């Protein structure tokens, strides 16, 4: 797998799909690693859930722990949402099943946290443009 450049996702985004599985109910799941800007380690894991004809439903897990070889081994649900074919987007921050979630609260530690968050958000939209079959590119 190649690293992600410092700008938003590359044109080779689809090649970055690590795993494709079908659940028992025949719904598909695709998992994508979003690497740090220097390509050294994964910062987020994006999971696309289900059919992507008109909408891309997704979960994003933040990597919060690595082993000594920089393999991700601890994750936290960062956000869930969907992007529609017309570019309209719904996002819920955090784990809405956690009673201590504080209604979408996310903590940022300095400028680096804003940069990595914005990079991930742009990557989600670019992923939607490339994976939603009926995406209306006039809304990008």
Protein backbone atom coordinates (compact mmCIF):
# COMPACT_ATOMS: atom_id res chain seq x y z
CA UNK A 1 0.00 0.00 0.00
CA UNK A 2 1.37 3.42 -0.89
CA UNK A 3 1.34 6.32 1.56
CA UNK A 4 -1.09 9.22 1.30
CA UNK A 5 0.49 12.52 0.25
CA UNK A 6 0.35 15.64 2.44
CA UNK A 7 -2.40 17.03 0.22
CA UNK A 8 -5.85 15.35 0.22
CA UNK A 9 -6.23 11.81 -1.12
CA UNK A 10 -4.44 10.83 -4.31
CA UNK A 11 -6.08 9.63 -7.53
CA UNK A 12 -5.05 6.12 -6.54
CA UNK A 13 -7.60 6.12 -3.72
CA UNK A 14 -9.42 2.99 -4.82
CA UNK A 15 -6.11 1.09 -4.73
CA UNK A 16 -5.92 1.93 -1.02
CA UNK A 17 -8.83 -0.36 -0.16
CA UNK A 18 -7.37 -3.03 2.12
CA UNK A 19 -10.27 -5.39 2.69
CA UNK A 20 -13.60 -6.03 1.06
CA UNK A 21 -16.01 -8.35 2.87
CA UNK A 22 -19.67 -9.23 2.70
CA UNK A 23 -21.57 -9.67 5.97
CA UNK A 24 -24.10 -12.44 6.54
CA UNK A 25 -26.86 -10.12 5.31
CA UNK A 26 -24.90 -9.58 2.02
CA UNK A 27 -24.02 -5.98 2.94
CA UNK A 28 -20.50 -5.06 1.93
CA UNK A 29 -17.77 -3.39 3.99
CA UNK A 30 -14.63 -1.80 2.60
CA UNK A 31 -11.81 -0.71 4.88
CA UNK A 32 -9.29 2.01 4.02
CA UNK A 33 -6.23 3.08 6.01
CA UNK A 34 -5.57 6.82 6.12
CA UNK A 35 -1.87 7.23 6.80
CA UNK A 36 -0.09 10.07 8.57
CA UNK A 37 1.04 12.88 6.27
CA UNK A 38 4.56 11.41 6.19
CA UNK A 39 3.18 7.94 5.41
CA UNK A 40 4.82 6.44 8.49
CA UNK A 41 1.77 5.00 10.26
CA UNK A 42 -2.04 4.76 10.02
CA UNK A 43 -3.95 7.58 11.76
CA UNK A 44 -7.51 6.60 10.84
CA UNK A 45 -9.34 3.57 9.49
CA UNK A 46 -12.35 4.36 7.29
CA UNK A 47 -15.00 1.68 6.78
CA UNK A 48 -17.52 2.08 3.95
CA UNK A 49 -20.67 0.16 4.77
CA UNK A 50 -23.14 -1.17 2.22
CA UNK A 51 -24.02 -0.28 -1.35
CA UNK A 52 -22.60 2.96 -2.76
CA UNK A 53 -24.94 3.59 -5.67
CA UNK A 54 -26.47 6.81 -4.24
CA UNK A 55 -24.91 7.18 -0.78
CA UNK A 56 -21.70 6.30 1.05
CA UNK A 57 -22.27 5.28 4.69
CA UNK A 58 -19.09 5.21 6.73
CA UNK A 59 -17.42 4.84 10.10
CA UNK A 60 -14.06 6.38 10.96
CA UNK A 61 -11.94 4.91 13.75
CA UNK A 62 -9.09 6.92 15.23
CA UNK A 63 -5.94 4.96 15.97
CA UNK A 64 -5.08 5.61 19.62
CA UNK A 65 -2.44 2.92 20.17
CA UNK A 66 0.38 1.29 18.25
CA UNK A 67 2.70 -1.62 19.02
CA UNK A 68 6.49 -1.34 18.91
CA UNK A 69 6.44 -1.90 15.10
CA UNK A 70 3.91 0.96 14.56
CA UNK A 71 1.07 -1.45 13.80
CA UNK A 72 -2.24 -0.02 14.95
CA UNK A 73 -3.63 -2.03 17.85
CA UNK A 74 -6.09 0.31 19.67
CA UNK A 75 -8.99 2.15 18.06
CA UNK A 76 -11.76 4.55 19.05
CA UNK A 77 -14.89 5.34 17.05
CA UNK A 78 -14.24 8.90 15.84
CA UNK A 79 -17.28 9.59 13.68
CA UNK A 80 -20.03 7.98 11.62
CA UNK A 81 -22.03 9.39 8.77
CA UNK A 82 -23.13 9.38 5.19
CA UNK A 83 -22.43 11.37 2.05
CA UNK A 84 -25.19 11.45 -0.56
CA UNK A 85 -24.84 11.56 -4.35
CA UNK A 86 -25.62 15.31 -4.24
CA UNK A 87 -22.81 16.04 -1.77
CA UNK A 88 -25.12 16.50 1.25
CA UNK A 89 -23.42 15.03 4.31
CA UNK A 90 -24.57 13.92 7.76
CA UNK A 91 -21.94 13.31 10.43
CA UNK A 92 -22.16 12.22 14.06
CA UNK A 93 -18.97 12.67 16.08
CA UNK A 94 -18.03 10.02 18.60
CA UNK A 95 -19.90 6.91 19.64
CA UNK A 96 -23.61 7.61 19.90
CA UNK A 97 -24.10 4.38 21.89
CA UNK A 98 -21.74 5.59 24.67
CA UNK A 99 -23.67 7.36 27.50
CA UNK A 100 -20.51 9.33 28.38
CA UNK A 101 -20.13 10.63 24.81
CA UNK A 102 -21.16 14.22 25.70
CA UNK A 103 -23.23 14.52 22.51
CA UNK A 104 -20.55 14.47 19.86
CA UNK A 105 -17.65 15.86 21.89
CA UNK A 106 -14.16 15.47 20.38
CA UNK A 107 -11.00 16.81 22.00
CA UNK A 108 -8.34 18.48 19.81
CA UNK A 109 -4.77 18.96 21.08
CA UNK A 110 -3.31 21.88 19.15
CA UNK A 111 -2.98 22.74 15.48
CA UNK A 112 -1.81 19.25 14.47
CA UNK A 113 -5.16 17.80 15.59
CA UNK A 114 -7.04 20.28 13.39
CA UNK A 115 -4.81 19.49 10.42
CA UNK A 116 -5.26 15.71 10.70
CA UNK A 117 -9.03 16.12 11.22
CA UNK A 118 -9.38 18.36 8.14
CA UNK A 119 -7.24 16.00 6.06
CA UNK A 120 -9.46 13.08 7.03
CA UNK A 121 -12.68 15.03 6.30
CA UNK A 122 -11.46 16.02 2.82
CA UNK A 123 -10.43 12.43 2.21
CA UNK A 124 -13.95 11.23 3.05
CA UNK A 125 -15.49 13.57 0.48
CA UNK A 126 -12.96 12.59 -2.19
CA UNK A 127 -13.60 8.95 -1.40
CA UNK A 128 -17.35 9.54 -1.89
CA UNK A 129 -16.72 11.23 -5.26
CA UNK A 130 -14.84 8.15 -6.42
CA UNK A 131 -17.06 5.42 -4.95
CA UNK A 132 -20.69 6.63 -5.23
CA UNK A 133 -21.88 5.40 -8.60
CA UNK A 134 -24.35 8.26 -9.18
CA UNK A 135 -22.30 11.05 -7.59
CA UNK A 136 -23.17 14.50 -9.02
CA UNK A 137 -19.76 16.09 -9.56
CA UNK A 138 -21.34 19.54 -10.05
CA UNK A 139 -21.79 19.69 -6.25
CA UNK A 140 -18.09 19.22 -5.46
